[in-house]
Amino acid sequence: MEKLQLNIPDMWADHHVLKVRALLLAMPGVQDVIASSAFRMVALSYDPAAASPGAIMATLEDAGYPVATDGTGIIAETVPVADGKRDPAWTRLGMRQIKTDERDLKTKR
């Protein structure tokens, strides 16, 4: 298994996290998906015989969650993530977004 960590700027709320996790876990060869709306990041393991980083990024792009590849992500370096028990962002940031982001009110076409 290979590991992959991606910045996803448009994943800013919990419902985005749920959708991204469901998309990725439905892909053959993808497992251990950890997503953070606070860091706007996803970390996962994948079997290179069944999936590729390109296919994973294309799946996210098709669903409206393009991966930041130009340095515009929220974080520039990898973040050590515990084995899915708790998102470390909430401890580090000490806050949680509870107001609906205006971008969520618009439907993507």
PDB file of N, CA and C in Angstrom:
ATOM      1  N   MET A   1       0.845  -1.194   0.000  1.00  0.00           N
ATOM      2  CA  MET A   1       0.000   0.000   0.000  1.00  0.00           C
ATOM      3  C   MET A   1       0.884   1.249   0.000  1.00  0.00           C
ATOM      4  N   GLU A   2       0.464   2.214  -0.790  1.00  0.00           N
ATOM      5  CA  GLU A   2       1.124   3.514  -0.840  1.00  0.00           C
ATOM      6  C   GLU A   2       0.262   4.513  -0.089  1.00  0.00           C
ATOM      7  N   LYS A   3       0.886   5.591   0.378  1.00  0.00           N
ATOM      8  CA  LYS A   3       0.149   6.634   1.082  1.00  0.00           C
ATOM      9  C   LYS A   3       0.126   7.891   0.212  1.00  0.00           C
ATOM     10  N   LEU A   4      -0.974   8.630   0.336  1.00  0.00           N
ATOM     11  CA  LEU A   4      -1.151   9.842  -0.450  1.00  0.00           C
ATOM     12  C   LEU A   4      -1.833  10.881   0.424  1.00  0.00           C
ATOM     13  N   GLN A   5      -1.363  12.116   0.355  1.00  0.00           N
ATOM     14  CA  GLN A   5      -1.992  13.224   1.081  1.00  0.00           C
ATOM     15  C   GLN A   5      -2.228  14.349   0.089  1.00  0.00           C
ATOM     16  N   LEU A   6      -3.448  14.886   0.064  1.00  0.00           N
ATOM     17  CA  LEU A   6      -3.836  15.893  -0.916  1.00  0.00           C
ATOM     18  C   LEU A   6      -4.501  17.089  -0.238  1.00  0.00           C
ATOM     19  N   ASN A   7      -4.221  18.285  -0.738  1.00  0.00           N
ATOM     20  CA  ASN A   7      -4.906  19.505  -0.297  1.00  0.00           C
ATOM     21  C   ASN A   7      -6.150  19.692  -1.152  1.00  0.00           C
ATOM     22  N   ILE A   8      -7.294  19.891  -0.503  1.00  0.00           N
ATOM     23  CA  ILE A   8      -8.567  20.078  -1.207  1.00  0.00           C
ATOM     24  C   ILE A   8      -9.215  21.357  -0.668  1.00  0.00           C
ATOM     25  N   PRO A   9      -8.942  22.502  -1.296  1.00  0.00           N
ATOM     26  CA  PRO A   9      -9.436  23.783  -0.782  1.00  0.00           C
ATOM     27  C   PRO A   9     -10.956  23.888  -0.666  1.00  0.00           C
ATOM     28  N   ASP A  10     -11.713  23.172  -1.487  1.00  0.00           N
ATOM     29  CA  ASP A  10     -13.175  23.278  -1.449  1.00  0.00           C
ATOM     30  C   ASP A  10     -13.835  22.334  -0.450  1.00  0.00           C
ATOM     31  N   MET A  11     -13.071  21.702   0.402  1.00  0.00           N
ATOM     32  CA  MET A  11     -13.615  20.813   1.439  1.00  0.00           C
ATOM     33  C   MET A  11     -13.537  21.554   2.779  1.00  0.00           C
ATOM     34  N   TRP A  12     -14.537  22.411   3.041  1.00  0.00           N
ATOM     35  CA  TRP A  12     -14.476  23.253   4.243  1.00  0.00           C
ATOM     36  C   TRP A  12     -15.520  22.929   5.302  1.00  0.00           C
ATOM     37  N   ALA A  13     -16.339  21.920   5.080  1.00  0.00           N
ATOM     38  CA  ALA A  13     -17.374  21.594   6.064  1.00  0.00           C
ATOM     39  C   ALA A  13     -17.518  20.080   6.191  1.00  0.00           C
ATOM     40  N   ASP A  14     -18.164  19.657   7.256  1.00  0.00           N
ATOM     41  CA  ASP A  14     -18.279  18.225   7.530  1.00  0.00           C
ATOM     42  C   ASP A  14     -19.009  17.464   6.431  1.00  0.00           C
ATOM     43  N   HIS A  15     -20.022  18.087   5.804  1.00  0.00           N
ATOM     44  CA  HIS A  15     -20.715  17.365   4.745  1.00  0.00           C
ATOM     45  C   HIS A  15     -19.813  17.138   3.530  1.00  0.00           C
ATOM     46  N   HIS A  16     -18.832  18.023   3.328  1.00  0.00           N
ATOM     47  CA  HIS A  16     -17.853  17.800   2.268  1.00  0.00           C
ATOM     48  C   HIS A  16     -16.961  16.610   2.633  1.00  0.00           C
ATOM     49  N   VAL A  17     -16.564  16.540   3.877  1.00  0.00           N
ATOM     50  CA  VAL A  17     -15.734  15.433   4.347  1.00  0.00           C
ATOM     51  C   VAL A  17     -16.446  14.103   4.109  1.00  0.00           C
ATOM     52  N   LEU A  18     -17.729  14.047   4.452  1.00  0.00           N
ATOM     53  CA  LEU A  18     -18.489  12.808   4.258  1.00  0.00           C
ATOM     54  C   LEU A  18     -18.546  12.415   2.789  1.00  0.00           C
ATOM     55  N   LYS A  19     -18.786  13.395   1.923  1.00  0.00           N
ATOM     56  CA  LYS A  19     -18.870  13.104   0.494  1.00  0.00           C
ATOM     57  C   LYS A  19     -17.523  12.635  -0.057  1.00  0.00           C
ATOM     58  N   VAL A  20     -16.450  13.320   0.299  1.00  0.00           N
ATOM     59  CA  VAL A  20     -15.117  12.956  -0.182  1.00  0.00           C
ATOM     60  C   VAL A  20     -14.736  11.562   0.305  1.00  0.00           C
ATOM     61  N   ARG A  21     -14.997  11.277   1.565  1.00  0.00           N
ATOM     62  CA  ARG A  21     -14.689   9.938   2.087  1.00  0.00           C
ATOM     63  C   ARG A  21     -15.475   8.863   1.343  1.00  0.00           C
ATOM     64  N   ALA A  22     -16.748   9.104   1.111  1.00  0.00           N
ATOM     65  CA  ALA A  22     -17.581   8.119   0.405  1.00  0.00           C
ATOM     66  C   ALA A  22     -17.080   7.906  -1.022  1.00  0.00           C
ATOM     67  N   LEU A  23     -16.731   8.986  -1.707  1.00  0.00           N
ATOM     68  CA  LEU A  23     -16.209   8.872  -3.068  1.00  0.00           C
ATOM     69  C   LEU A  23     -14.945   8.026  -3.118  1.00  0.00           C
ATOM     70  N   LEU A  24     -14.024   8.341  -2.219  1.00  0.00           N
ATOM     71  CA  LEU A  24     -12.731   7.663  -2.243  1.00  0.00           C
ATOM     72  C   LEU A  24     -12.833   6.215  -1.780  1.00  0.00           C
ATOM     73  N   LEU A  25     -13.624   5.952  -0.751  1.00  0.00           N
ATOM     74  CA  LEU A  25     -13.755   4.581  -0.259  1.00  0.00           C
ATOM     75  C   LEU A  25     -14.483   3.682  -1.257  1.00  0.00           C
ATOM     76  N   ALA A  26     -15.233   4.272  -2.191  1.00  0.00           N
ATOM     77  CA  ALA A  26     -15.910   3.490  -3.231  1.00  0.00           C
ATOM     78  C   ALA A  26     -14.951   3.077  -4.348  1.00  0.00           C
ATOM     79  N   MET A  27     -13.777   3.689  -4.386  1.00  0.00           N
ATOM     80  CA  MET A  27     -12.803   3.349  -5.426  1.00  0.00           C
ATOM     81  C   MET A  27     -12.086   2.040  -5.090  1.00  0.00           C
ATOM     82  N   PRO A  28     -11.892   1.175  -6.070  1.00  0.00           N
ATOM     83  CA  PRO A  28     -11.127  -0.052  -5.830  1.00  0.00           C
ATOM     84  C   PRO A  28      -9.694   0.280  -5.409  1.00  0.00           C
ATOM     85  N   GLY A  29      -9.216  -0.391  -4.383  1.00  0.00           N
ATOM     86  CA  GLY A  29      -7.839  -0.229  -3.939  1.00  0.00           C
ATOM     87  C   GLY A  29      -7.585   0.912  -2.979  1.00  0.00           C
ATOM     88  N   VAL A  30      -8.611   1.707  -2.659  1.00  0.00           N
ATOM     89  CA  VAL A  30      -8.438   2.848  -1.743  1.00  0.00           C
ATOM     90  C   VAL A  30      -8.987   2.466  -0.375  1.00  0.00           C
ATOM     91  N   GLN A  31      -8.222   2.774   0.656  1.00  0.00           N
ATOM     92  CA  GLN A  31      -8.667   2.492   2.024  1.00  0.00           C
ATOM     93  C   GLN A  31      -8.028   3.482   2.987  1.00  0.00           C
ATOM     94  N   ASP A  32      -8.407   3.404   4.240  1.00  0.00           N
ATOM     95  CA  ASP A  32      -7.857   4.243   5.317  1.00  0.00           C
ATOM     96  C   ASP A  32      -7.949   5.732   4.980  1.00  0.00           C
ATOM     97  N   VAL A  33      -9.105   6.185   4.534  1.00  0.00           N
ATOM     98  CA  VAL A  33      -9.287   7.588   4.155  1.00  0.00           C
ATOM     99  C   VAL A  33      -9.559   8.421   5.405  1.00  0.00           C
ATOM    100  N   ILE A  34      -8.722   9.408   5.619  1.00  0.00           N
ATOM    101  CA  ILE A  34      -8.895  10.365   6.711  1.00  0.00           C
ATOM    102  C   ILE A  34      -8.998  11.734   6.073  1.00  0.00           C
ATOM    103  N   ALA A  35     -10.091  12.440   6.332  1.00  0.00           N
ATOM    104  CA  ALA A  35     -10.305  13.754   5.733  1.00  0.00           C
ATOM    105  C   ALA A  35     -10.531  14.788   6.819  1.00  0.00           C
ATOM    106  N   SER A  36     -10.027  15.998   6.591  1.00  0.00           N
ATOM    107  CA  SER A  36     -10.152  17.083   7.563  1.00  0.00           C
ATOM    108  C   SER A  36     -10.654  18.339   6.877  1.00  0.00           C
ATOM    109  N   SER A  37     -11.800  18.837   7.315  1.00  0.00           N
ATOM    110  CA  SER A  37     -12.291  20.105   6.782  1.00  0.00           C
ATOM    111  C   SER A  37     -11.522  21.280   7.395  1.00  0.00           C
ATOM    112  N   ALA A  38     -10.951  21.109   8.540  1.00  0.00           N
ATOM    113  CA  ALA A  38     -10.155  22.169   9.160  1.00  0.00           C
ATOM    114  C   ALA A  38      -8.859  22.399   8.394  1.00  0.00           C
ATOM    115  N   PHE A  39      -8.183  21.318   8.020  1.00  0.00           N
ATOM    116  CA  PHE A  39      -6.946  21.420   7.244  1.00  0.00           C
ATOM    117  C   PHE A  39      -7.214  21.414   5.745  1.00  0.00           C
ATOM    118  N   ARG A  40      -8.469  21.074   5.351  1.00  0.00           N
ATOM    119  CA  ARG A  40      -8.823  20.916   3.945  1.00  0.00           C
ATOM    120  C   ARG A  40      -7.845  19.966   3.259  1.00  0.00           C
ATOM    121  N   MET A  41      -7.730  18.806   3.877  1.00  0.00           N
ATOM    122  CA  MET A  41      -6.762  17.815   3.469  1.00  0.00           C
ATOM    123  C   MET A  41      -7.362  16.425   3.590  1.00  0.00           C
ATOM    124  N   VAL A  42      -6.901  15.523   2.716  1.00  0.00           N
ATOM    125  CA  VAL A  42      -7.275  14.118   2.814  1.00  0.00           C
ATOM    126  C   VAL A  42      -5.995  13.288   2.750  1.00  0.00           C
ATOM    127  N   ALA A  43      -5.934  12.282   3.598  1.00  0.00           N
ATOM    128  CA  ALA A  43      -4.821  11.322   3.589  1.00  0.00           C
ATOM    129  C   ALA A  43      -5.436   9.943   3.411  1.00  0.00           C
ATOM    130  N   LEU A  44      -4.790   9.113   2.601  1.00  0.00           N
ATOM    131  CA  LEU A  44      -5.338   7.788   2.323  1.00  0.00           C
ATOM    132  C   LEU A  44      -4.228   6.815   1.968  1.00  0.00           C
ATOM    133  N   SER A  45      -4.602   5.550   1.965  1.00  0.00           N
ATOM    134  CA  SER A  45      -3.725   4.491   1.471  1.00  0.00           C
ATOM    135  C   SER A  45      -4.374   3.925   0.223  1.00  0.00           C
ATOM    136  N   TYR A  46      -3.544   3.523  -0.742  1.00  0.00           N
ATOM    137  CA  TYR A  46      -4.080   2.924  -1.951  1.00  0.00           C
ATOM    138  C   TYR A  46      -3.152   1.830  -2.464  1.00  0.00           C
ATOM    139  N   ASP A  47      -3.735   0.879  -3.148  1.00  0.00           N
ATOM    140  CA  ASP A  47      -2.996  -0.209  -3.769  1.00  0.00           C
ATOM    141  C   ASP A  47      -2.645   0.248  -5.182  1.00  0.00           C
ATOM    142  N   PRO A  48      -1.346   0.431  -5.501  1.00  0.00           N
ATOM    143  CA  PRO A  48      -0.974   0.931  -6.826  1.00  0.00           C
ATOM    144  C   PRO A  48      -1.356  -0.010  -7.971  1.00  0.00           C
ATOM    145  N   ALA A  49      -1.669  -1.260  -7.671  1.00  0.00           N
ATOM    146  CA  ALA A  49      -2.127  -2.187  -8.704  1.00  0.00           C
ATOM    147  C   ALA A  49      -3.595  -1.934  -9.060  1.00  0.00           C
ATOM    148  N   ALA A  50      -4.337  -1.247  -8.181  1.00  0.00           N
ATOM    149  CA  ALA A  50      -5.763  -1.028  -8.403  1.00  0.00           C
ATOM    150  C   ALA A  50      -6.139   0.436  -8.566  1.00  0.00           C
ATOM    151  N   ALA A  51      -5.302   1.346  -8.114  1.00  0.00           N
ATOM    152  CA  ALA A  51      -5.611   2.777  -8.170  1.00  0.00           C
ATOM    153  C   ALA A  51      -4.323   3.562  -8.382  1.00  0.00           C
ATOM    154  N   SER A  52      -4.475   4.789  -8.825  1.00  0.00           N
ATOM    155  CA  SER A  52      -3.312   5.663  -9.026  1.00  0.00           C
ATOM    156  C   SER A  52      -3.636   7.047  -8.486  1.00  0.00           C
ATOM    157  N   PRO A  53      -2.608   7.833  -8.156  1.00  0.00           N
ATOM    158  CA  PRO A  53      -2.878   9.204  -7.716  1.00  0.00           C
ATOM    159  C   PRO A  53      -3.677   9.994  -8.753  1.00  0.00           C
ATOM    160  N   GLY A  54      -3.393   9.781 -10.030  1.00  0.00           N
ATOM    161  CA  GLY A  54      -4.129  10.476 -11.081  1.00  0.00           C
ATOM    162  C   GLY A  54      -5.607  10.131 -11.081  1.00  0.00           C
ATOM    163  N   ALA A  55      -5.922   8.857 -10.911  1.00  0.00           N
ATOM    164  CA  ALA A  55      -7.326   8.423 -10.876  1.00  0.00           C
ATOM    165  C   ALA A  55      -8.026   8.970  -9.632  1.00  0.00           C
ATOM    166  N   ILE A  56      -7.324   8.996  -8.523  1.00  0.00           N
ATOM    167  CA  ILE A  56      -7.893   9.528  -7.281  1.00  0.00           C
ATOM    168  C   ILE A  56      -8.184  11.017  -7.441  1.00  0.00           C
ATOM    169  N   MET A  57      -7.231  11.760  -7.988  1.00  0.00           N
ATOM    170  CA  MET A  57      -7.419  13.193  -8.195  1.00  0.00           C
ATOM    171  C   MET A  57      -8.529  13.459  -9.213  1.00  0.00           C
ATOM    172  N   ALA A  58      -8.640  12.639 -10.261  1.00  0.00           N
ATOM    173  CA  ALA A  58      -9.703  12.802 -11.260  1.00  0.00           C
ATOM    174  C   ALA A  58     -11.079  12.559 -10.637  1.00  0.00           C
ATOM    175  N   THR A  59     -11.185  11.574  -9.757  1.00  0.00           N
ATOM    176  CA  THR A  59     -12.447  11.293  -9.075  1.00  0.00           C
ATOM    177  C   THR A  59     -12.875  12.491  -8.231  1.00  0.00           C
ATOM    178  N   LEU A  60     -11.931  13.069  -7.508  1.00  0.00           N
ATOM    179  CA  LEU A  60     -12.230  14.243  -6.697  1.00  0.00           C
ATOM    180  C   LEU A  60     -12.620  15.436  -7.575  1.00  0.00           C
ATOM    181  N   GLU A  61     -11.894  15.643  -8.639  1.00  0.00           N
ATOM    182  CA  GLU A  61     -12.177  16.753  -9.570  1.00  0.00           C
ATOM    183  C   GLU A  61     -13.575  16.610 -10.167  1.00  0.00           C
ATOM    184  N   ASP A  62     -13.921  15.402 -10.615  1.00  0.00           N
ATOM    185  CA  ASP A  62     -15.241  15.163 -11.216  1.00  0.00           C
ATOM    186  C   ASP A  62     -16.376  15.436 -10.233  1.00  0.00           C
ATOM    187  N   ALA A  63     -16.106  15.272  -8.951  1.00  0.00           N
ATOM    188  CA  ALA A  63     -17.131  15.493  -7.927  1.00  0.00           C
ATOM    189  C   ALA A  63     -17.157  16.942  -7.427  1.00  0.00           C
ATOM    190  N   GLY A  64     -16.298  17.790  -7.989  1.00  0.00           N
ATOM    191  CA  GLY A  64     -16.276  19.192  -7.583  1.00  0.00           C
ATOM    192  C   GLY A  64     -15.289  19.520  -6.486  1.00  0.00           C
ATOM    193  N   TYR A  65     -14.323  18.635  -6.259  1.00  0.00           N
ATOM    194  CA  TYR A  65     -13.305  18.851  -5.225  1.00  0.00           C
ATOM    195  C   TYR A  65     -11.916  18.777  -5.847  1.00  0.00           C
ATOM    196  N   PRO A  66     -11.532  19.778  -6.640  1.00  0.00           N
ATOM    197  CA  PRO A  66     -10.209  19.729  -7.270  1.00  0.00           C
ATOM    198  C   PRO A  66      -9.090  19.792  -6.235  1.00  0.00           C
ATOM    199  N   VAL A  67      -8.032  19.079  -6.524  1.00  0.00           N
ATOM    200  CA  VAL A  67      -6.864  19.032  -5.646  1.00  0.00           C
ATOM    201  C   VAL A  67      -5.970  20.225  -5.961  1.00  0.00           C
ATOM    202  N   ALA A  68      -5.497  20.905  -4.930  1.00  0.00           N
ATOM    203  CA  ALA A  68      -4.587  22.038  -5.111  1.00  0.00           C
ATOM    204  C   ALA A  68      -3.196  21.497  -5.416  1.00  0.00           C
ATOM    205  N   THR A  69      -2.720  21.751  -6.624  1.00  0.00           N
ATOM    206  CA  THR A  69      -1.384  21.292  -7.010  1.00  0.00           C
ATOM    207  C   THR A  69      -0.444  22.462  -7.252  1.00  0.00           C
ATOM    208  N   ASP A  70      -0.928  23.673  -7.026  1.00  0.00           N
ATOM    209  CA  ASP A  70      -0.137  24.865  -7.320  1.00  0.00           C
ATOM    210  C   ASP A  70       0.303  25.613  -6.066  1.00  0.00           C
ATOM    211  N   GLY A  71       0.234  24.961  -4.918  1.00  0.00           N
ATOM    212  CA  GLY A  71       0.658  25.601  -3.677  1.00  0.00           C
ATOM    213  C   GLY A  71      -0.428  26.430  -3.016  1.00  0.00           C
ATOM    214  N   THR A  72      -1.680  26.361  -3.516  1.00  0.00           N
ATOM    215  CA  THR A  72      -2.745  27.169  -2.941  1.00  0.00           C
ATOM    216  C   THR A  72      -3.517  26.444  -1.849  1.00  0.00           C
ATOM    217  N   GLY A  73      -3.062  25.275  -1.448  1.00  0.00           N
ATOM    218  CA  GLY A  73      -3.746  24.541  -0.394  1.00  0.00           C
ATOM    219  C   GLY A  73      -3.609  25.229   0.948  1.00  0.00           C
ATOM    220  N   ILE A  74      -4.357  24.746   1.894  1.00  0.00           N
ATOM    221  CA  ILE A  74      -4.337  25.318   3.240  1.00  0.00           C
ATOM    222  C   ILE A  74      -3.010  25.048   3.941  1.00  0.00           C
ATOM    223  N   ILE A  75      -2.475  23.853   3.763  1.00  0.00           N
ATOM    224  CA  ILE A  75      -1.208  23.494   4.386  1.00  0.00           C
ATOM    225  C   ILE A  75      -0.197  23.132   3.303  1.00  0.00           C
ATOM    226  N   ALA A  76       1.045  23.426   3.548  1.00  0.00           N
ATOM    227  CA  ALA A  76       2.078  23.175   2.552  1.00  0.00           C
ATOM    228  C   ALA A  76       2.859  21.895   2.820  1.00  0.00           C
ATOM    229  N   GLU A  77       2.734  21.347   4.003  1.00  0.00           N
ATOM    230  CA  GLU A  77       3.490  20.139   4.331  1.00  0.00           C
ATOM    231  C   GLU A  77       2.545  19.082   4.887  1.00  0.00           C
ATOM    232  N   THR A  78       3.006  17.855   4.903  1.00  0.00           N
ATOM    233  CA  THR A  78       2.172  16.783   5.417  1.00  0.00           C
ATOM    234  C   THR A  78       1.958  16.954   6.915  1.00  0.00           C
ATOM    235  N   VAL A  79       0.810  16.493   7.375  1.00  0.00           N
ATOM    236  CA  VAL A  79       0.450  16.574   8.788  1.00  0.00           C
ATOM    237  C   VAL A  79       0.352  15.160   9.320  1.00  0.00           C
ATOM    238  N   PRO A  80       1.074  14.836  10.408  1.00  0.00           N
ATOM    239  CA  PRO A  80       0.917  13.488  10.953  1.00  0.00           C
ATOM    240  C   PRO A  80      -0.496  13.318  11.497  1.00  0.00           C
ATOM    241  N   VAL A  81      -1.166  12.285  11.038  1.00  0.00           N
ATOM    242  CA  VAL A  81      -2.549  12.042  11.441  1.00  0.00           C
ATOM    243  C   VAL A  81      -2.602  10.724  12.190  1.00  0.00           C
ATOM    244  N   ALA A  82      -3.225  10.731  13.344  1.00  0.00           N
ATOM    245  CA  ALA A  82      -3.410   9.492  14.104  1.00  0.00           C
ATOM    246  C   ALA A  82      -4.290   8.558  13.291  1.00  0.00           C
ATOM    247  N   ASP A  83      -4.357   7.335  13.660  1.00  0.00           N
ATOM    248  CA  ASP A  83      -5.066   6.327  12.874  1.00  0.00           C
ATOM    249  C   ASP A  83      -6.577   6.514  12.873  1.00  0.00           C
ATOM    250  N   GLY A  84      -7.031   7.674  12.473  1.00  0.00           N
ATOM    251  CA  GLY A  84      -8.455   7.913  12.282  1.00  0.00           C
ATOM    252  C   GLY A  84      -9.263   8.079  13.550  1.00  0.00           C
ATOM    253  N   LYS A  85      -8.635   8.135  14.693  1.00  0.00           N
ATOM    254  CA  LYS A  85      -9.380   8.231  15.943  1.00  0.00           C
ATOM    255  C   LYS A  85      -9.958   9.625  16.151  1.00  0.00           C
ATOM    256  N   ARG A  86      -9.182  10.648  15.849  1.00  0.00           N
ATOM    257  CA  ARG A  86      -9.645  12.020  16.056  1.00  0.00           C
ATOM    258  C   ARG A  86      -8.860  12.939  15.136  1.00  0.00           C
ATOM    259  N   ASP A  87      -9.543  13.865  14.541  1.00  0.00           N
ATOM    260  CA  ASP A  87      -8.906  14.829  13.655  1.00  0.00           C
ATOM    261  C   ASP A  87      -8.065  15.787  14.515  1.00  0.00           C
ATOM    262  N   PRO A  88      -6.745  15.827  14.327  1.00  0.00           N
ATOM    263  CA  PRO A  88      -5.898  16.687  15.168  1.00  0.00           C
ATOM    264  C   PRO A  88      -6.118  18.175  14.926  1.00  0.00           C
ATOM    265  N   ALA A  89      -6.802  18.532  13.858  1.00  0.00           N
ATOM    266  CA  ALA A  89      -7.005  19.950  13.546  1.00  0.00           C
ATOM    267  C   ALA A  89      -7.794  20.656  14.626  1.00  0.00           C
ATOM    268  N   TRP A  90      -8.786  19.978  15.190  1.00  0.00           N
ATOM    269  CA  TRP A  90      -9.633  20.649  16.175  1.00  0.00           C
ATOM    270  C   TRP A  90      -8.840  20.987  17.433  1.00  0.00           C
ATOM    271  N   THR A  91      -7.916  20.140  17.815  1.00  0.00           N
ATOM    272  CA  THR A  91      -7.072  20.433  18.964  1.00  0.00           C
ATOM    273  C   THR A  91      -6.112  21.561  18.646  1.00  0.00           C
ATOM    274  N   ARG A  92      -5.520  21.501  17.480  1.00  0.00           N
ATOM    275  CA  ARG A  92      -4.536  22.503  17.091  1.00  0.00           C
ATOM    276  C   ARG A  92      -5.179  23.868  16.873  1.00  0.00           C
ATOM    277  N   LEU A  93      -6.339  23.913  16.227  1.00  0.00           N
ATOM    278  CA  LEU A  93      -6.971  25.186  15.906  1.00  0.00           C
ATOM    279  C   LEU A  93      -7.811  25.728  17.048  1.00  0.00           C
ATOM    280  N   GLY A  94      -8.348  24.845  17.886  1.00  0.00           N
ATOM    281  CA  GLY A  94      -9.119  25.273  19.035  1.00  0.00           C
ATOM    282  C   GLY A  94     -10.467  25.888  18.691  1.00  0.00           C
ATOM    283  N   MET A  95     -10.953  25.633  17.472  1.00  0.00           N
ATOM    284  CA  MET A  95     -12.243  26.175  17.077  1.00  0.00           C
ATOM    285  C   MET A  95     -12.892  25.253  16.053  1.00  0.00           C
ATOM    286  N   ARG A  96     -14.153  25.498  15.802  1.00  0.00           N
ATOM    287  CA  ARG A  96     -14.862  24.723  14.802  1.00  0.00           C
ATOM    288  C   ARG A  96     -15.851  25.634  14.094  1.00  0.00           C
ATOM    289  N   GLN A  97     -15.910  25.535  12.775  1.00  0.00           N
ATOM    290  CA  GLN A  97     -16.828  26.354  11.976  1.00  0.00           C
ATOM    291  C   GLN A  97     -18.252  25.894  12.217  1.00  0.00           C
ATOM    292  N   ILE A  98     -19.131  26.790  12.625  1.00  0.00           N
ATOM    293  CA  ILE A  98     -20.516  26.400  12.853  1.00  0.00           C
ATOM    294  C   ILE A  98     -21.483  27.213  11.992  1.00  0.00           C
ATOM    295  N   LYS A  99     -20.981  28.168  11.242  1.00  0.00           N
ATOM    296  CA  LYS A  99     -21.821  28.976  10.361  1.00  0.00           C
ATOM    297  C   LYS A  99     -21.711  28.416   8.947  1.00  0.00           C
ATOM    298  N   THR A 100     -22.814  28.372   8.233  1.00  0.00           N
ATOM    299  CA  THR A 100     -22.804  27.894   6.859  1.00  0.00           C
ATOM    300  C   THR A 100     -21.990  28.839   5.992  1.00  0.00           C
ATOM    301  N   ASP A 101     -21.069  28.279   5.248  1.00  0.00           N
ATOM    302  CA  ASP A 101     -20.277  29.061   4.316  1.00  0.00           C
ATOM    303  C   ASP A 101     -21.177  29.445   3.140  1.00  0.00           C
ATOM    304  N   GLU A 102     -21.112  30.694   2.690  1.00  0.00           N
ATOM    305  CA  GLU A 102     -21.964  31.167   1.599  1.00  0.00           C
ATOM    306  C   GLU A 102     -21.784  30.331   0.334  1.00  0.00           C
ATOM    307  N   ARG A 103     -20.588  29.780   0.124  1.00  0.00           N
ATOM    308  CA  ARG A 103     -20.347  28.961  -1.066  1.00  0.00           C
ATOM    309  C   ARG A 103     -21.183  27.693  -1.044  1.00  0.00           C
ATOM    310  N   ASP A 104     -21.557  27.193   0.144  1.00  0.00           N
ATOM    311  CA  ASP A 104     -22.381  25.994   0.243  1.00  0.00           C
ATOM    312  C   ASP A 104     -23.826  26.239  -0.175  1.00  0.00           C
ATOM    313  N   LEU A 105     -24.242  27.478  -0.179  1.00  0.00           N
ATOM    314  CA  LEU A 105     -25.613  27.801  -0.528  1.00  0.00           C
ATOM    315  C   LEU A 105     -25.847  27.782  -2.039  1.00  0.00           C
ATOM    316  N   LYS A 106     -24.755  27.827  -2.797  1.00  0.00           N
ATOM    317  CA  LYS A 106     -24.848  27.796  -4.253  1.00  0.00           C
ATOM    318  C   LYS A 106     -24.672  26.369  -4.732  1.00  0.00           C
ATOM    319  N   THR A 107     -25.456  25.970  -5.686  1.00  0.00           N
ATOM    320  CA  THR A 107     -25.318  24.624  -6.231  1.00  0.00           C
ATOM    321  C   THR A 107     -24.300  24.632  -7.337  1.00  0.00           C
ATOM    322  N   LYS A 108     -23.466  23.595  -7.361  1.00  0.00           N
ATOM    323  CA  LYS A 108     -22.458  23.451  -8.417  1.00  0.00           C
ATOM    324  C   LYS A 108     -23.116  22.782  -9.616  1.00  0.00           C
ATOM    325  N   ARG A 109     -22.821  23.236 -10.761  1.00  0.00           N
ATOM    326  CA  ARG A 109     -23.367  22.630 -11.985  1.00  0.00           C
ATOM    327  C   ARG A 109     -22.263  22.126 -12.844  1.00  0.00           C
TER     328      ARG A 109
END
